[in-house]
Amino acid sequence: MNPSTPTPPVGSYAVDTHTGKVGMVTGHEGPRVRLRPLGGGREWECPPDAVRRATATERISAATAYANARSRGEVP
């Protein structure tokens, strides 16, 4: 992230720009940001310069992808 742009706060949706994955910010561990995928799952960490707030479109797209995978039985 740009130094003038704050790290997304806990509870907000963010994009890991290294992977393109959207997740909810669950915490800040030292210099790293912890994200959890929409719908739950294993958390991952990324550096703060690789995280930005997700747009409404990105949040909806991630939620739709999760709902579709769930309807196919691919995720609980």
PDB file of N, CA and C in Angstrom:
ATOM      1  N   MET A   1       0.832  -1.182   0.000  1.00  0.00           N
ATOM      2  CA  MET A   1       0.000   0.000   0.000  1.00  0.00           C
ATOM      3  C   MET A   1       0.868   1.233   0.000  1.00  0.00           C
ATOM      4  N   ASN A   2       0.309   2.286  -0.445  1.00  0.00           N
ATOM      5  CA  ASN A   2       0.936   3.587  -0.387  1.00  0.00           C
ATOM      6  C   ASN A   2       1.069   3.983   1.080  1.00  0.00           C
ATOM      7  N   PRO A   3       2.205   4.533   1.516  1.00  0.00           N
ATOM      8  CA  PRO A   3       2.352   4.883   2.925  1.00  0.00           C
ATOM      9  C   PRO A   3       1.286   5.854   3.427  1.00  0.00           C
ATOM     10  N   SER A   4       0.712   6.643   2.546  1.00  0.00           N
ATOM     11  CA  SER A   4      -0.319   7.588   2.969  1.00  0.00           C
ATOM     12  C   SER A   4      -1.692   6.918   3.063  1.00  0.00           C
ATOM     13  N   THR A   5      -1.804   5.675   2.576  1.00  0.00           N
ATOM     14  CA  THR A   5      -3.061   4.933   2.640  1.00  0.00           C
ATOM     15  C   THR A   5      -2.999   3.984   3.829  1.00  0.00           C
ATOM     16  N   PRO A   6      -3.916   4.120   4.791  1.00  0.00           N
ATOM     17  CA  PRO A   6      -3.857   3.247   5.957  1.00  0.00           C
ATOM     18  C   PRO A   6      -4.213   1.801   5.613  1.00  0.00           C
ATOM     19  N   THR A   7      -3.680   0.896   6.406  1.00  0.00           N
ATOM     20  CA  THR A   7      -4.015  -0.520   6.266  1.00  0.00           C
ATOM     21  C   THR A   7      -5.494  -0.689   6.571  1.00  0.00           C
ATOM     22  N   PRO A   8      -6.218  -1.487   5.791  1.00  0.00           N
ATOM     23  CA  PRO A   8      -7.647  -1.691   6.069  1.00  0.00           C
ATOM     24  C   PRO A   8      -7.860  -2.182   7.500  1.00  0.00           C
ATOM     25  N   PRO A   9      -8.870  -1.666   8.191  1.00  0.00           N
ATOM     26  CA  PRO A   9      -9.107  -2.061   9.575  1.00  0.00           C
ATOM     27  C   PRO A   9      -9.707  -3.467   9.686  1.00  0.00           C
ATOM     28  N   VAL A  10      -9.592  -4.034  10.889  1.00  0.00           N
ATOM     29  CA  VAL A  10     -10.181  -5.333  11.185  1.00  0.00           C
ATOM     30  C   VAL A  10     -11.679  -5.265  10.889  1.00  0.00           C
ATOM     31  N   GLY A  11     -12.187  -6.304  10.232  1.00  0.00           N
ATOM     32  CA  GLY A  11     -13.600  -6.378   9.875  1.00  0.00           C
ATOM     33  C   GLY A  11     -13.923  -5.861   8.486  1.00  0.00           C
ATOM     34  N   SER A  12     -12.964  -5.214   7.840  1.00  0.00           N
ATOM     35  CA  SER A  12     -13.221  -4.718   6.485  1.00  0.00           C
ATOM     36  C   SER A  12     -12.792  -5.764   5.467  1.00  0.00           C
ATOM     37  N   TYR A  13     -13.245  -5.617   4.241  1.00  0.00           N
ATOM     38  CA  TYR A  13     -12.872  -6.518   3.156  1.00  0.00           C
ATOM     39  C   TYR A  13     -11.692  -5.926   2.418  1.00  0.00           C
ATOM     40  N   ALA A  14     -10.762  -6.788   2.066  1.00  0.00           N
ATOM     41  CA  ALA A  14      -9.539  -6.327   1.418  1.00  0.00           C
ATOM     42  C   ALA A  14      -9.120  -7.312   0.341  1.00  0.00           C
ATOM     43  N   VAL A  15      -8.258  -6.839  -0.544  1.00  0.00           N
ATOM     44  CA  VAL A  15      -7.701  -7.656  -1.617  1.00  0.00           C
ATOM     45  C   VAL A  15      -6.212  -7.821  -1.368  1.00  0.00           C
ATOM     46  N   ASP A  16      -5.755  -9.059  -1.414  1.00  0.00           N
ATOM     47  CA  ASP A  16      -4.325  -9.359  -1.393  1.00  0.00           C
ATOM     48  C   ASP A  16      -3.860  -9.177  -2.837  1.00  0.00           C
ATOM     49  N   THR A  17      -3.119  -8.111  -3.092  1.00  0.00           N
ATOM     50  CA  THR A  17      -2.746  -7.796  -4.476  1.00  0.00           C
ATOM     51  C   THR A  17      -1.726  -8.771  -5.048  1.00  0.00           C
ATOM     52  N   HIS A  18      -1.071  -9.560  -4.201  1.00  0.00           N
ATOM     53  CA  HIS A  18      -0.138 -10.577  -4.705  1.00  0.00           C
ATOM     54  C   HIS A  18      -0.877 -11.771  -5.288  1.00  0.00           C
ATOM     55  N   THR A  19      -2.043 -12.106  -4.705  1.00  0.00           N
ATOM     56  CA  THR A  19      -2.783 -13.279  -5.170  1.00  0.00           C
ATOM     57  C   THR A  19      -4.100 -12.927  -5.850  1.00  0.00           C
ATOM     58  N   GLY A  20      -4.609 -11.721  -5.606  1.00  0.00           N
ATOM     59  CA  GLY A  20      -5.907 -11.321  -6.143  1.00  0.00           C
ATOM     60  C   GLY A  20      -7.071 -11.813  -5.314  1.00  0.00           C
ATOM     61  N   LYS A  21      -6.789 -12.505  -4.187  1.00  0.00           N
ATOM     62  CA  LYS A  21      -7.859 -13.044  -3.349  1.00  0.00           C
ATOM     63  C   LYS A  21      -8.468 -11.946  -2.483  1.00  0.00           C
ATOM     64  N   VAL A  22      -9.790 -12.059  -2.285  1.00  0.00           N
ATOM     65  CA  VAL A  22     -10.524 -11.138  -1.415  1.00  0.00           C
ATOM     66  C   VAL A  22     -10.749 -11.836  -0.084  1.00  0.00           C
ATOM     67  N   GLY A  23     -10.553 -11.107   0.993  1.00  0.00           N
ATOM     68  CA  GLY A  23     -10.784 -11.668   2.315  1.00  0.00           C
ATOM     69  C   GLY A  23     -11.182 -10.596   3.306  1.00  0.00           C
ATOM     70  N   MET A  24     -11.583 -11.037   4.487  1.00  0.00           N
ATOM     71  CA  MET A  24     -11.907 -10.108   5.560  1.00  0.00           C
ATOM     72  C   MET A  24     -10.669  -9.968   6.437  1.00  0.00           C
ATOM     73  N   VAL A  25     -10.349  -8.744   6.788  1.00  0.00           N
ATOM     74  CA  VAL A  25      -9.210  -8.495   7.659  1.00  0.00           C
ATOM     75  C   VAL A  25      -9.575  -8.977   9.066  1.00  0.00           C
ATOM     76  N   THR A  26      -8.778  -9.913   9.593  1.00  0.00           N
ATOM     77  CA  THR A  26      -9.049 -10.453  10.926  1.00  0.00           C
ATOM     78  C   THR A  26      -8.044  -9.970  11.955  1.00  0.00           C
ATOM     79  N   GLY A  27      -6.978  -9.361  11.519  1.00  0.00           N
ATOM     80  CA  GLY A  27      -6.011  -8.849  12.479  1.00  0.00           C
ATOM     81  C   GLY A  27      -4.744  -8.373  11.804  1.00  0.00           C
ATOM     82  N   HIS A  28      -3.910  -7.807  12.631  1.00  0.00           N
ATOM     83  CA  HIS A  28      -2.604  -7.333  12.194  1.00  0.00           C
ATOM     84  C   HIS A  28      -1.588  -7.977  13.121  1.00  0.00           C
ATOM     85  N   GLU A  29      -0.749  -8.834  12.574  1.00  0.00           N
ATOM     86  CA  GLU A  29       0.268  -9.543  13.342  1.00  0.00           C
ATOM     87  C   GLU A  29       1.619  -8.929  13.019  1.00  0.00           C
ATOM     88  N   GLY A  30       2.118  -8.096  13.914  1.00  0.00           N
ATOM     89  CA  GLY A  30       3.369  -7.405  13.639  1.00  0.00           C
ATOM     90  C   GLY A  30       3.205  -6.583  12.375  1.00  0.00           C
ATOM     91  N   PRO A  31       4.101  -6.763  11.433  1.00  0.00           N
ATOM     92  CA  PRO A  31       3.997  -5.981  10.196  1.00  0.00           C
ATOM     93  C   PRO A  31       3.064  -6.597   9.150  1.00  0.00           C
ATOM     94  N   ARG A  32       2.442  -7.730   9.454  1.00  0.00           N
ATOM     95  CA  ARG A  32       1.632  -8.443   8.465  1.00  0.00           C
ATOM     96  C   ARG A  32       0.148  -8.261   8.743  1.00  0.00           C
ATOM     97  N   VAL A  33      -0.649  -8.424   7.686  1.00  0.00           N
ATOM     98  CA  VAL A  33      -2.101  -8.336   7.774  1.00  0.00           C
ATOM     99  C   VAL A  33      -2.665  -9.743   7.602  1.00  0.00           C
ATOM    100  N   ARG A  34      -3.602 -10.139   8.470  1.00  0.00           N
ATOM    101  CA  ARG A  34      -4.236 -11.459   8.391  1.00  0.00           C
ATOM    102  C   ARG A  34      -5.590 -11.319   7.705  1.00  0.00           C
ATOM    103  N   LEU A  35      -5.834 -12.186   6.727  1.00  0.00           N
ATOM    104  CA  LEU A  35      -7.088 -12.194   5.974  1.00  0.00           C
ATOM    105  C   LEU A  35      -7.712 -13.580   6.049  1.00  0.00           C
ATOM    106  N   ARG A  36      -9.046 -13.616   6.046  1.00  0.00           N
ATOM    107  CA  ARG A  36      -9.781 -14.885   6.003  1.00  0.00           C
ATOM    108  C   ARG A  36     -10.700 -14.829   4.785  1.00  0.00           C
ATOM    109  N   PRO A  37     -10.753 -15.909   3.993  1.00  0.00           N
ATOM    110  CA  PRO A  37     -11.608 -15.909   2.810  1.00  0.00           C
ATOM    111  C   PRO A  37     -13.083 -15.725   3.169  1.00  0.00           C
ATOM    112  N   LEU A  38     -13.842 -15.171   2.255  1.00  0.00           N
ATOM    113  CA  LEU A  38     -15.285 -15.049   2.449  1.00  0.00           C
ATOM    114  C   LEU A  38     -15.860 -16.446   2.601  1.00  0.00           C
ATOM    115  N   GLY A  39     -16.754 -16.631   3.523  1.00  0.00           N
ATOM    116  CA  GLY A  39     -17.334 -17.940   3.764  1.00  0.00           C
ATOM    117  C   GLY A  39     -16.512 -18.773   4.732  1.00  0.00           C
ATOM    118  N   GLY A  40     -15.419 -18.225   5.244  1.00  0.00           N
ATOM    119  CA  GLY A  40     -14.579 -18.954   6.180  1.00  0.00           C
ATOM    120  C   GLY A  40     -13.460 -19.675   5.478  1.00  0.00           C
ATOM    121  N   GLY A  41     -12.690 -20.369   6.254  1.00  0.00           N
ATOM    122  CA  GLY A  41     -11.552 -21.084   5.689  1.00  0.00           C
ATOM    123  C   GLY A  41     -10.271 -20.666   6.358  1.00  0.00           C
ATOM    124  N   ARG A  42      -9.192 -21.134   5.817  1.00  0.00           N
ATOM    125  CA  ARG A  42      -7.882 -20.892   6.393  1.00  0.00           C
ATOM    126  C   ARG A  42      -7.422 -19.460   6.151  1.00  0.00           C
ATOM    127  N   GLU A  43      -6.995 -18.814   7.223  1.00  0.00           N
ATOM    128  CA  GLU A  43      -6.469 -17.455   7.113  1.00  0.00           C
ATOM    129  C   GLU A  43      -5.109 -17.470   6.430  1.00  0.00           C
ATOM    130  N   TRP A  44      -4.744 -16.334   5.884  1.00  0.00           N
ATOM    131  CA  TRP A  44      -3.406 -16.179   5.338  1.00  0.00           C
ATOM    132  C   TRP A  44      -2.903 -14.797   5.707  1.00  0.00           C
ATOM    133  N   GLU A  45      -1.615 -14.622   5.623  1.00  0.00           N
ATOM    134  CA  GLU A  45      -0.985 -13.353   5.956  1.00  0.00           C
ATOM    135  C   GLU A  45      -0.356 -12.761   4.716  1.00  0.00           C
ATOM    136  N   CYS A  46      -0.315 -11.442   4.685  1.00  0.00           N
ATOM    137  CA  CYS A  46       0.366 -10.764   3.599  1.00  0.00           C
ATOM    138  C   CYS A  46       0.937  -9.452   4.121  1.00  0.00           C
ATOM    139  N   PRO A  47       1.923  -8.924   3.436  1.00  0.00           N
ATOM    140  CA  PRO A  47       2.507  -7.660   3.877  1.00  0.00           C
ATOM    141  C   PRO A  47       1.526  -6.507   3.648  1.00  0.00           C
ATOM    142  N   PRO A  48       1.592  -5.474   4.482  1.00  0.00           N
ATOM    143  CA  PRO A  48       0.644  -4.370   4.357  1.00  0.00           C
ATOM    144  C   PRO A  48       0.705  -3.654   3.005  1.00  0.00           C
ATOM    145  N   ASP A  49       1.863  -3.670   2.340  1.00  0.00           N
ATOM    146  CA  ASP A  49       1.948  -3.008   1.043  1.00  0.00           C
ATOM    147  C   ASP A  49       1.279  -3.814  -0.067  1.00  0.00           C
ATOM    148  N   ALA A  50       0.819  -5.044   0.260  1.00  0.00           N
ATOM    149  CA  ALA A  50       0.136  -5.889  -0.724  1.00  0.00           C
ATOM    150  C   ALA A  50      -1.360  -5.997  -0.429  1.00  0.00           C
ATOM    151  N   VAL A  51      -1.881  -5.090   0.408  1.00  0.00           N
ATOM    152  CA  VAL A  51      -3.293  -5.132   0.780  1.00  0.00           C
ATOM    153  C   VAL A  51      -3.937  -3.788   0.468  1.00  0.00           C
ATOM    154  N   ARG A  52      -5.130  -3.879  -0.099  1.00  0.00           N
ATOM    155  CA  ARG A  52      -5.926  -2.664  -0.318  1.00  0.00           C
ATOM    156  C   ARG A  52      -7.376  -3.006  -0.054  1.00  0.00           C
ATOM    157  N   ARG A  53      -8.185  -1.987   0.238  1.00  0.00           N
ATOM    158  CA  ARG A  53      -9.612  -2.211   0.461  1.00  0.00           C
ATOM    159  C   ARG A  53     -10.250  -2.773  -0.805  1.00  0.00           C
ATOM    160  N   ALA A  54     -11.150  -3.707  -0.622  1.00  0.00           N
ATOM    161  CA  ALA A  54     -11.877  -4.288  -1.757  1.00  0.00           C
ATOM    162  C   ALA A  54     -12.989  -3.327  -2.182  1.00  0.00           C
ATOM    163  N   THR A  55     -13.239  -3.282  -3.468  1.00  0.00           N
ATOM    164  CA  THR A  55     -14.356  -2.491  -3.969  1.00  0.00           C
ATOM    165  C   THR A  55     -15.645  -3.280  -3.755  1.00  0.00           C
ATOM    166  N   ALA A  56     -16.769  -2.609  -3.886  1.00  0.00           N
ATOM    167  CA  ALA A  56     -18.061  -3.294  -3.760  1.00  0.00           C
ATOM    168  C   ALA A  56     -18.173  -4.403  -4.803  1.00  0.00           C
ATOM    169  N   THR A  57     -17.714  -4.162  -5.995  1.00  0.00           N
ATOM    170  CA  THR A  57     -17.762  -5.158  -7.064  1.00  0.00           C
ATOM    171  C   THR A  57     -16.931  -6.382  -6.702  1.00  0.00           C
ATOM    172  N   GLU A  58     -15.742  -6.170  -6.138  1.00  0.00           N
ATOM    173  CA  GLU A  58     -14.883  -7.295  -5.750  1.00  0.00           C
ATOM    174  C   GLU A  58     -15.515  -8.099  -4.620  1.00  0.00           C
ATOM    175  N   ARG A  59     -16.133  -7.427  -3.661  1.00  0.00           N
ATOM    176  CA  ARG A  59     -16.798  -8.142  -2.565  1.00  0.00           C
ATOM    177  C   ARG A  59     -17.948  -8.987  -3.093  1.00  0.00           C
ATOM    178  N   ILE A  60     -18.760  -8.417  -3.973  1.00  0.00           N
ATOM    179  CA  ILE A  60     -19.902  -9.142  -4.536  1.00  0.00           C
ATOM    180  C   ILE A  60     -19.423 -10.319  -5.369  1.00  0.00           C
ATOM    181  N   SER A  61     -18.388 -10.129  -6.165  1.00  0.00           N
ATOM    182  CA  SER A  61     -17.856 -11.198  -7.002  1.00  0.00           C
ATOM    183  C   SER A  61     -17.337 -12.355  -6.141  1.00  0.00           C
ATOM    184  N   ALA A  62     -16.608 -12.038  -5.071  1.00  0.00           N
ATOM    185  CA  ALA A  62     -16.089 -13.083  -4.182  1.00  0.00           C
ATOM    186  C   ALA A  62     -17.225 -13.813  -3.472  1.00  0.00           C
ATOM    187  N   ALA A  63     -18.228 -13.077  -3.029  1.00  0.00           N
ATOM    188  CA  ALA A  63     -19.372 -13.706  -2.352  1.00  0.00           C
ATOM    189  C   ALA A  63     -20.149 -14.596  -3.313  1.00  0.00           C
ATOM    190  N   THR A  64     -20.299 -14.169  -4.544  1.00  0.00           N
ATOM    191  CA  THR A  64     -21.002 -14.962  -5.556  1.00  0.00           C
ATOM    192  C   THR A  64     -20.221 -16.234  -5.877  1.00  0.00           C
ATOM    193  N   ALA A  65     -18.901 -16.116  -6.011  1.00  0.00           N
ATOM    194  CA  ALA A  65     -18.065 -17.290  -6.284  1.00  0.00           C
ATOM    195  C   ALA A  65     -18.184 -18.293  -5.146  1.00  0.00           C
ATOM    196  N   TYR A  66     -18.203 -17.817  -3.910  1.00  0.00           N
ATOM    197  CA  TYR A  66     -18.353 -18.715  -2.765  1.00  0.00           C
ATOM    198  C   TYR A  66     -19.728 -19.387  -2.789  1.00  0.00           C
ATOM    199  N   ALA A  67     -20.783 -18.617  -3.033  1.00  0.00           N
ATOM    200  CA  ALA A  67     -22.140 -19.180  -3.064  1.00  0.00           C
ATOM    201  C   ALA A  67     -22.262 -20.235  -4.164  1.00  0.00           C
ATOM    202  N   ASN A  68     -21.668 -19.982  -5.313  1.00  0.00           N
ATOM    203  CA  ASN A  68     -21.707 -20.951  -6.410  1.00  0.00           C
ATOM    204  C   ASN A  68     -20.949 -22.229  -6.043  1.00  0.00           C
ATOM    205  N   ALA A  69     -19.773 -22.085  -5.444  1.00  0.00           N
ATOM    206  CA  ALA A  69     -18.996 -23.259  -5.042  1.00  0.00           C
ATOM    207  C   ALA A  69     -19.755 -24.057  -3.981  1.00  0.00           C
ATOM    208  N   ARG A  70     -20.406 -23.359  -3.088  1.00  0.00           N
ATOM    209  CA  ARG A  70     -21.181 -24.038  -2.039  1.00  0.00           C
ATOM    210  C   ARG A  70     -22.351 -24.805  -2.652  1.00  0.00           C
ATOM    211  N   SER A  71     -23.019 -24.216  -3.655  1.00  0.00           N
ATOM    212  CA  SER A  71     -24.157 -24.899  -4.272  1.00  0.00           C
ATOM    213  C   SER A  71     -23.710 -26.138  -5.047  1.00  0.00           C
ATOM    214  N   ARG A  72     -22.467 -26.165  -5.495  1.00  0.00           N
ATOM    215  CA  ARG A  72     -21.925 -27.335  -6.197  1.00  0.00           C
ATOM    216  C   ARG A  72     -21.352 -28.355  -5.224  1.00  0.00           C
ATOM    217  N   GLY A  73     -21.361 -28.031  -3.921  1.00  0.00           N
ATOM    218  CA  GLY A  73     -20.830 -28.943  -2.918  1.00  0.00           C
ATOM    219  C   GLY A  73     -19.318 -28.925  -2.788  1.00  0.00           C
ATOM    220  N   GLU A  74     -18.682 -27.899  -3.334  1.00  0.00           N
ATOM    221  CA  GLU A  74     -17.223 -27.831  -3.295  1.00  0.00           C
ATOM    222  C   GLU A  74     -16.694 -27.300  -1.972  1.00  0.00           C
ATOM    223  N   VAL A  75     -17.523 -26.574  -1.247  1.00  0.00           N
ATOM    224  CA  VAL A  75     -17.150 -26.041   0.074  1.00  0.00           C
ATOM    225  C   VAL A  75     -18.323 -26.256   1.021  1.00  0.00           C
ATOM    226  N   PRO A  76     -18.032 -26.359   2.318  1.00  0.00           N
ATOM    227  CA  PRO A  76     -19.140 -26.588   3.273  1.00  0.00           C
ATOM    228  C   PRO A  76     -20.042 -25.378   3.417  1.00  0.00           C
TER     229      PRO A  76
END
